Amino acid sequence: MKLKDKVAIITGAASGIGKSIAIRFAQEGAKV
């Protein structure tokens, strides 16, 4: 994914699938 310099707002990122998505987006360069 091309997420560098993008902003992602993820609800439910404290646990479960939301946390996994937040971590993955951050690894791809998004500002979470």
Protein backbone atom coordinates (compact mmCIF):
# COMPACT_ATOMS: atom_id res chain seq x y z
CA MET A 1 0.00 0.00 0.00
CA LYS A 2 1.13 3.54 -0.65
CA LEU A 3 0.41 5.26 2.65
CA LYS A 4 3.44 7.50 3.01
CA ASP A 5 2.40 11.01 4.10
CA LYS A 6 -1.23 9.91 4.52
CA VAL A 7 -3.25 10.27 7.71
CA ALA A 8 -5.34 7.37 9.02
CA ILE A 9 -7.92 7.72 11.78
CA ILE A 10 -8.65 4.28 13.20
CA THR A 11 -11.29 3.74 15.86
CA GLY A 12 -10.99 0.75 18.15
CA ALA A 13 -7.20 0.65 17.85
CA ALA A 14 -6.71 -0.29 21.51
CA SER A 15 -7.08 -4.02 20.83
CA GLY A 16 -8.00 -6.68 18.33
CA ILE A 17 -8.26 -6.06 14.60
CA GLY A 18 -8.18 -2.26 15.05
CA LYS A 19 -4.80 -2.53 16.75
CA SER A 20 -3.47 -4.77 13.98
CA ILE A 21 -4.67 -2.35 11.31
CA ALA A 22 -3.13 0.63 13.12
CA ILE A 23 0.23 -1.15 13.40
CA ARG A 24 0.17 -2.16 9.72
CA PHE A 25 -0.74 1.34 8.54
CA ALA A 26 2.07 2.81 10.66
CA GLN A 27 4.53 0.31 9.17
CA GLU A 28 3.43 1.41 5.70
CA GLY A 29 4.21 5.04 6.52
CA ALA A 30 0.83 6.47 7.47
CA LYS A 31 0.42 8.88 10.35
CA VAL A 32 -1.94 7.06 12.70
